[in-house]
């Protein structure tokens, strides 16, 4: 597994300190990375599958704890 970047580490630290803007930035970075990974993964699937990369990422995001109350 790759090492987390300084950017992600900083965002996680700011979020842990209660910075909601950092949470939003972190989710945007994670979303983009997941979308890229899902696209690469789905390109290796059979051609008649029906799940799209964006739908896969959205499904994953629905399962992420966000700390929102």
PDB file of N, CA and C in Angstrom:
ATOM      1  N   UNK A   1       0.850  -1.185   0.000  1.00  0.00           N
ATOM      2  CA  UNK A   1       0.000   0.000   0.000  1.00  0.00           C
ATOM      3  C   UNK A   1       0.889   1.239   0.000  1.00  0.00           C
ATOM      4  N   UNK A   2       0.566   2.245  -0.833  1.00  0.00           N
ATOM      5  CA  UNK A   2       1.420   3.434  -0.909  1.00  0.00           C
ATOM      6  C   UNK A   2       1.379   4.259   0.369  1.00  0.00           C
ATOM      7  N   UNK A   3       2.461   4.983   0.595  1.00  0.00           N
ATOM      8  CA  UNK A   3       2.534   5.898   1.740  1.00  0.00           C
ATOM      9  C   UNK A   3       1.574   7.063   1.526  1.00  0.00           C
ATOM     10  N   UNK A   4       0.887   7.503   2.581  1.00  0.00           N
ATOM     11  CA  UNK A   4       0.015   8.675   2.410  1.00  0.00           C
ATOM     12  C   UNK A   4       0.862   9.915   2.125  1.00  0.00           C
ATOM     13  N   UNK A   5       0.318  10.790   1.302  1.00  0.00           N
ATOM     14  CA  UNK A   5       1.055  12.004   0.976  1.00  0.00           C
ATOM     15  C   UNK A   5       0.980  12.980   2.147  1.00  0.00           C
ATOM     16  N   UNK A   6       1.896  13.930   2.148  1.00  0.00           N
ATOM     17  CA  UNK A   6       1.884  14.969   3.173  1.00  0.00           C
ATOM     18  C   UNK A   6       0.576  15.739   3.129  1.00  0.00           C
ATOM     19  N   UNK A   7       0.045  15.931   1.905  1.00  0.00           N
ATOM     20  CA  UNK A   7      -1.217  16.649   1.762  1.00  0.00           C
ATOM     21  C   UNK A   7      -2.326  15.920   2.514  1.00  0.00           C
ATOM     22  N   UNK A   8      -2.428  14.605   2.303  1.00  0.00           N
ATOM     23  CA  UNK A   8      -3.474  13.838   2.974  1.00  0.00           C
ATOM     24  C   UNK A   8      -3.275  13.815   4.484  1.00  0.00           C
ATOM     25  N   UNK A   9      -2.038  13.657   4.901  1.00  0.00           N
ATOM     26  CA  UNK A   9      -1.744  13.643   6.330  1.00  0.00           C
ATOM     27  C   UNK A   9      -2.142  14.968   6.972  1.00  0.00           C
ATOM     28  N   UNK A  10      -1.803  16.062   6.295  1.00  0.00           N
ATOM     29  CA  UNK A  10      -2.171  17.381   6.805  1.00  0.00           C
ATOM     30  C   UNK A  10      -3.671  17.579   6.875  1.00  0.00           C
ATOM     31  N   UNK A  11      -4.369  17.128   5.835  1.00  0.00           N
ATOM     32  CA  UNK A  11      -5.834  17.249   5.831  1.00  0.00           C
ATOM     33  C   UNK A  11      -6.454  16.413   6.941  1.00  0.00           C
ATOM     34  N   UNK A  12      -5.930  15.212   7.137  1.00  0.00           N
ATOM     35  CA  UNK A  12      -6.449  14.363   8.225  1.00  0.00           C
ATOM     36  C   UNK A  12      -6.221  15.012   9.588  1.00  0.00           C
ATOM     37  N   UNK A  13      -5.056  15.599   9.772  1.00  0.00           N
ATOM     38  CA  UNK A  13      -4.758  16.270  11.050  1.00  0.00           C
ATOM     39  C   UNK A  13      -5.682  17.461  11.264  1.00  0.00           C
ATOM     40  N   UNK A  14      -5.884  18.248  10.215  1.00  0.00           N
ATOM     41  CA  UNK A  14      -6.785  19.406  10.341  1.00  0.00           C
ATOM     42  C   UNK A  14      -8.216  18.960  10.617  1.00  0.00           C
ATOM     43  N   UNK A  15      -8.645  17.897   9.961  1.00  0.00           N
ATOM     44  CA  UNK A  15     -10.003  17.370  10.180  1.00  0.00           C
ATOM     45  C   UNK A  15     -10.135  16.880  11.620  1.00  0.00           C
ATOM     46  N   UNK A  16      -9.113  16.184  12.106  1.00  0.00           N
ATOM     47  CA  UNK A  16      -9.136  15.688  13.491  1.00  0.00           C
ATOM     48  C   UNK A  16      -9.232  16.846  14.482  1.00  0.00           C
ATOM     49  N   UNK A  17      -8.716  18.003  14.089  1.00  0.00           N
ATOM     50  CA  UNK A  17      -8.800  19.196  14.947  1.00  0.00           C
ATOM     51  C   UNK A  17     -10.124  19.935  14.797  1.00  0.00           C
ATOM     52  N   UNK A  18     -11.025  19.377  13.978  1.00  0.00           N
ATOM     53  CA  UNK A  18     -12.352  19.961  13.849  1.00  0.00           C
ATOM     54  C   UNK A  18     -12.553  20.864  12.643  1.00  0.00           C
ATOM     55  N   UNK A  19     -11.615  20.881  11.725  1.00  0.00           N
ATOM     56  CA  UNK A  19     -11.703  21.740  10.545  1.00  0.00           C
ATOM     57  C   UNK A  19     -12.583  21.077   9.478  1.00  0.00           C
ATOM     58  N   UNK A  20     -13.817  21.535   9.359  1.00  0.00           N
ATOM     59  CA  UNK A  20     -14.765  20.950   8.401  1.00  0.00           C
ATOM     60  C   UNK A  20     -14.318  21.186   6.970  1.00  0.00           C
ATOM     61  N   UNK A  21     -13.643  22.295   6.702  1.00  0.00           N
ATOM     62  CA  UNK A  21     -13.146  22.562   5.349  1.00  0.00           C
ATOM     63  C   UNK A  21     -12.101  21.517   4.948  1.00  0.00           C
ATOM     64  N   UNK A  22     -11.259  21.119   5.899  1.00  0.00           N
ATOM     65  CA  UNK A  22     -10.261  20.077   5.627  1.00  0.00           C
ATOM     66  C   UNK A  22     -10.957  18.764   5.297  1.00  0.00           C
ATOM     67  N   UNK A  23     -12.036  18.460   5.995  1.00  0.00           N
ATOM     68  CA  UNK A  23     -12.809  17.247   5.713  1.00  0.00           C
ATOM     69  C   UNK A  23     -13.306  17.272   4.273  1.00  0.00           C
ATOM     70  N   UNK A  24     -13.856  18.392   3.868  1.00  0.00           N
ATOM     71  CA  UNK A  24     -14.376  18.510   2.509  1.00  0.00           C
ATOM     72  C   UNK A  24     -13.263  18.376   1.465  1.00  0.00           C
ATOM     73  N   UNK A  25     -12.108  18.990   1.746  1.00  0.00           N
ATOM     74  CA  UNK A  25     -10.972  18.872   0.834  1.00  0.00           C
ATOM     75  C   UNK A  25     -10.494  17.423   0.762  1.00  0.00           C
ATOM     76  N   UNK A  26     -10.427  16.766   1.899  1.00  0.00           N
ATOM     77  CA  UNK A  26      -9.989  15.381   1.952  1.00  0.00           C
ATOM     78  C   UNK A  26     -10.925  14.487   1.153  1.00  0.00           C
ATOM     79  N   UNK A  27     -12.214  14.679   1.335  1.00  0.00           N
ATOM     80  CA  UNK A  27     -13.181  13.864   0.600  1.00  0.00           C
ATOM     81  C   UNK A  27     -13.060  14.086  -0.904  1.00  0.00           C
ATOM     82  N   UNK A  28     -12.774  15.309  -1.320  1.00  0.00           N
ATOM     83  CA  UNK A  28     -12.602  15.587  -2.746  1.00  0.00           C
ATOM     84  C   UNK A  28     -11.373  14.856  -3.299  1.00  0.00           C
ATOM     85  N   UNK A  29     -10.284  14.852  -2.543  1.00  0.00           N
ATOM     86  CA  UNK A  29      -9.068  14.160  -2.974  1.00  0.00           C
ATOM     87  C   UNK A  29      -9.314  12.654  -3.027  1.00  0.00           C
ATOM     88  N   UNK A  30      -9.952  12.118  -1.999  1.00  0.00           N
ATOM     89  CA  UNK A  30     -10.236  10.684  -1.951  1.00  0.00           C
ATOM     90  C   UNK A  30     -11.194  10.301  -3.071  1.00  0.00           C
ATOM     91  N   UNK A  31     -12.193  11.125  -3.315  1.00  0.00           N
ATOM     92  CA  UNK A  31     -13.154  10.842  -4.387  1.00  0.00           C
ATOM     93  C   UNK A  31     -12.440  10.749  -5.737  1.00  0.00           C
ATOM     94  N   UNK A  32     -11.585  11.705  -6.020  1.00  0.00           N
ATOM     95  CA  UNK A  32     -10.873  11.718  -7.300  1.00  0.00           C
ATOM     96  C   UNK A  32     -10.003  10.471  -7.449  1.00  0.00           C
ATOM     97  N   UNK A  33      -9.318  10.095  -6.384  1.00  0.00           N
ATOM     98  CA  UNK A  33      -8.466   8.903  -6.432  1.00  0.00           C
ATOM     99  C   UNK A  33      -9.305   7.636  -6.619  1.00  0.00           C
ATOM    100  N   UNK A  34     -10.400   7.532  -5.892  1.00  0.00           N
ATOM    101  CA  UNK A  34     -11.276   6.363  -6.050  1.00  0.00           C
ATOM    102  C   UNK A  34     -11.870   6.303  -7.447  1.00  0.00           C
ATOM    103  N   UNK A  35     -12.228   7.442  -7.998  1.00  0.00           N
ATOM    104  CA  UNK A  35     -12.804   7.478  -9.351  1.00  0.00           C
ATOM    105  C   UNK A  35     -11.792   6.995 -10.377  1.00  0.00           C
ATOM    106  N   UNK A  36     -10.552   7.418 -10.210  1.00  0.00           N
ATOM    107  CA  UNK A  36      -9.488   6.978 -11.116  1.00  0.00           C
ATOM    108  C   UNK A  36      -9.258   5.474 -10.984  1.00  0.00           C
ATOM    109  N   UNK A  37      -9.189   4.971  -9.763  1.00  0.00           N
ATOM    110  CA  UNK A  37      -8.998   3.533  -9.543  1.00  0.00           C
ATOM    111  C   UNK A  37     -10.173   2.724 -10.084  1.00  0.00           C
ATOM    112  N   UNK A  38     -11.379   3.209  -9.851  1.00  0.00           N
ATOM    113  CA  UNK A  38     -12.570   2.503 -10.341  1.00  0.00           C
ATOM    114  C   UNK A  38     -12.583   2.457 -11.859  1.00  0.00           C
ATOM    115  N   UNK A  39     -12.209   3.546 -12.508  1.00  0.00           N
ATOM    116  CA  UNK A  39     -12.159   3.571 -13.962  1.00  0.00           C
ATOM    117  C   UNK A  39     -11.180   2.547 -14.498  1.00  0.00           C
ATOM    118  N   UNK A  40     -10.002   2.477 -13.881  1.00  0.00           N
ATOM    119  CA  UNK A  40      -8.993   1.505 -14.315  1.00  0.00           C
ATOM    120  C   UNK A  40      -9.487   0.084 -14.083  1.00  0.00           C
ATOM    121  N   UNK A  41     -10.096  -0.144 -12.952  1.00  0.00           N
ATOM    122  CA  UNK A  41     -10.618  -1.474 -12.640  1.00  0.00           C
ATOM    123  C   UNK A  41     -11.731  -1.875 -13.608  1.00  0.00           C
ATOM    124  N   UNK A  42     -12.645  -0.963 -13.856  1.00  0.00           N
ATOM    125  CA  UNK A  42     -13.799  -1.288 -14.701  1.00  0.00           C
ATOM    126  C   UNK A  42     -13.388  -1.498 -16.157  1.00  0.00           C
ATOM    127  N   UNK A  43     -12.304  -0.887 -16.597  1.00  0.00           N
ATOM    128  CA  UNK A  43     -11.824  -1.118 -17.964  1.00  0.00           C
ATOM    129  C   UNK A  43     -11.361  -2.553 -18.161  1.00  0.00           C
ATOM    130  N   UNK A  44     -11.013  -3.226 -17.061  1.00  0.00           N
ATOM    131  CA  UNK A  44     -10.579  -4.624 -17.149  1.00  0.00           C
ATOM    132  C   UNK A  44     -11.745  -5.610 -17.042  1.00  0.00           C
ATOM    133  N   UNK A  45     -12.934  -5.104 -16.785  1.00  0.00           N
ATOM    134  CA  UNK A  45     -14.114  -5.969 -16.670  1.00  0.00           C
ATOM    135  C   UNK A  45     -14.631  -6.352 -18.052  1.00  0.00           C
ATOM    136  N   UNK A  46     -15.533  -7.315 -18.071  1.00  0.00           N
ATOM    137  CA  UNK A  46     -16.128  -7.716 -19.347  1.00  0.00           C
ATOM    138  C   UNK A  46     -16.918  -6.551 -19.931  1.00  0.00           C
ATOM    139  N   UNK A  47     -17.111  -6.548 -21.222  1.00  0.00           N
ATOM    140  CA  UNK A  47     -17.712  -5.397 -21.902  1.00  0.00           C
ATOM    141  C   UNK A  47     -19.207  -5.259 -21.656  1.00  0.00           C
ATOM    142  N   UNK A  48     -19.875  -6.313 -21.214  1.00  0.00           N
ATOM    143  CA  UNK A  48     -21.326  -6.217 -21.032  1.00  0.00           C
ATOM    144  C   UNK A  48     -21.748  -5.932 -19.588  1.00  0.00           C
ATOM    145  N   UNK A  49     -20.796  -5.564 -18.734  1.00  0.00           N
ATOM    146  CA  UNK A  49     -21.194  -5.241 -17.356  1.00  0.00           C
ATOM    147  C   UNK A  49     -21.975  -3.930 -17.357  1.00  0.00           C
ATOM    148  N   UNK A  50     -22.754  -3.707 -16.311  1.00  0.00           N
ATOM    149  CA  UNK A  50     -23.611  -2.516 -16.288  1.00  0.00           C
ATOM    150  C   UNK A  50     -23.178  -1.469 -15.272  1.00  0.00           C
ATOM    151  N   UNK A  51     -22.269  -1.797 -14.375  1.00  0.00           N
ATOM    152  CA  UNK A  51     -21.846  -0.848 -13.350  1.00  0.00           C
ATOM    153  C   UNK A  51     -20.818   0.121 -13.926  1.00  0.00           C
ATOM    154  N   UNK A  52     -21.044   1.394 -13.725  1.00  0.00           N
ATOM    155  CA  UNK A  52     -20.133   2.436 -14.189  1.00  0.00           C
ATOM    156  C   UNK A  52     -19.189   2.833 -13.050  1.00  0.00           C
ATOM    157  N   UNK A  53     -17.974   3.311 -13.374  1.00  0.00           N
ATOM    158  CA  UNK A  53     -17.027   3.699 -12.332  1.00  0.00           C
ATOM    159  C   UNK A  53     -17.593   4.719 -11.343  1.00  0.00           C
ATOM    160  N   UNK A  54     -18.312   5.697 -11.840  1.00  0.00           N
ATOM    161  CA  UNK A  54     -18.873   6.716 -10.947  1.00  0.00           C
ATOM    162  C   UNK A  54     -19.865   6.101  -9.977  1.00  0.00           C
ATOM    163  N   UNK A  55     -20.693   5.183 -10.451  1.00  0.00           N
ATOM    164  CA  UNK A  55     -21.657   4.509  -9.571  1.00  0.00           C
ATOM    165  C   UNK A  55     -20.934   3.690  -8.515  1.00  0.00           C
ATOM    166  N   UNK A  56     -19.849   3.047  -8.894  1.00  0.00           N
ATOM    167  CA  UNK A  56     -19.066   2.262  -7.944  1.00  0.00           C
ATOM    168  C   UNK A  56     -18.494   3.157  -6.849  1.00  0.00           C
ATOM    169  N   UNK A  57     -17.955   4.290  -7.243  1.00  0.00           N
ATOM    170  CA  UNK A  57     -17.391   5.231  -6.268  1.00  0.00           C
ATOM    171  C   UNK A  57     -18.485   5.799  -5.372  1.00  0.00           C
ATOM    172  N   UNK A  58     -19.612   6.146  -5.939  1.00  0.00           N
ATOM    173  CA  UNK A  58     -20.716   6.674  -5.127  1.00  0.00           C
ATOM    174  C   UNK A  58     -21.174   5.649  -4.106  1.00  0.00           C
ATOM    175  N   UNK A  59     -21.233   4.396  -4.514  1.00  0.00           N
ATOM    176  CA  UNK A  59     -21.617   3.333  -3.590  1.00  0.00           C
ATOM    177  C   UNK A  59     -20.612   3.233  -2.443  1.00  0.00           C
ATOM    178  N   UNK A  60     -19.327   3.340  -2.772  1.00  0.00           N
ATOM    179  CA  UNK A  60     -18.291   3.302  -1.735  1.00  0.00           C
ATOM    180  C   UNK A  60     -18.407   4.513  -0.815  1.00  0.00           C
ATOM    181  N   UNK A  61     -18.663   5.684  -1.383  1.00  0.00           N
ATOM    182  CA  UNK A  61     -18.763   6.902  -0.578  1.00  0.00           C
ATOM    183  C   UNK A  61     -19.935   6.844   0.388  1.00  0.00           C
ATOM    184  N   UNK A  62     -21.000   6.218  -0.013  1.00  0.00           N
ATOM    185  CA  UNK A  62     -22.150   6.100   0.878  1.00  0.00           C
ATOM    186  C   UNK A  62     -21.817   5.285   2.124  1.00  0.00           C
ATOM    187  N   UNK A  63     -20.807   4.472   2.023  1.00  0.00           N
ATOM    188  CA  UNK A  63     -20.419   3.622   3.138  1.00  0.00           C
ATOM    189  C   UNK A  63     -19.307   4.213   4.002  1.00  0.00           C
ATOM    190  N   UNK A  64     -18.744   5.351   3.590  1.00  0.00           N
ATOM    191  CA  UNK A  64     -17.679   5.985   4.355  1.00  0.00           C
ATOM    192  C   UNK A  64     -18.242   6.762   5.540  1.00  0.00           C
ATOM    193  N   UNK A  65     -17.626   6.606   6.707  1.00  0.00           N
ATOM    194  CA  UNK A  65     -18.027   7.478   7.823  1.00  0.00           C
ATOM    195  C   UNK A  65     -17.448   8.858   7.598  1.00  0.00           C
ATOM    196  N   UNK A  66     -18.243   9.889   7.739  1.00  0.00           N
ATOM    197  CA  UNK A  66     -17.764  11.248   7.481  1.00  0.00           C
ATOM    198  C   UNK A  66     -17.653  12.099   8.740  1.00  0.00           C
ATOM    199  N   UNK A  67     -18.164  11.616   9.825  1.00  0.00           N
ATOM    200  CA  UNK A  67     -18.124  12.413  11.040  1.00  0.00           C
ATOM    201  C   UNK A  67     -19.196  13.489  11.065  1.00  0.00           C
ATOM    202  N   UNK A  68     -20.025  13.535  10.040  1.00  0.00           N
ATOM    203  CA  UNK A  68     -21.110  14.532  10.022  1.00  0.00           C
ATOM    204  C   UNK A  68     -22.221  14.081  10.947  1.00  0.00           C
ATOM    205  N   UNK A  69     -22.810  15.033  11.606  1.00  0.00           N
ATOM    206  CA  UNK A  69     -23.907  14.703  12.536  1.00  0.00           C
ATOM    207  C   UNK A  69     -25.085  15.568  12.275  1.00  0.00           C
TER     208      UNK A  69
END
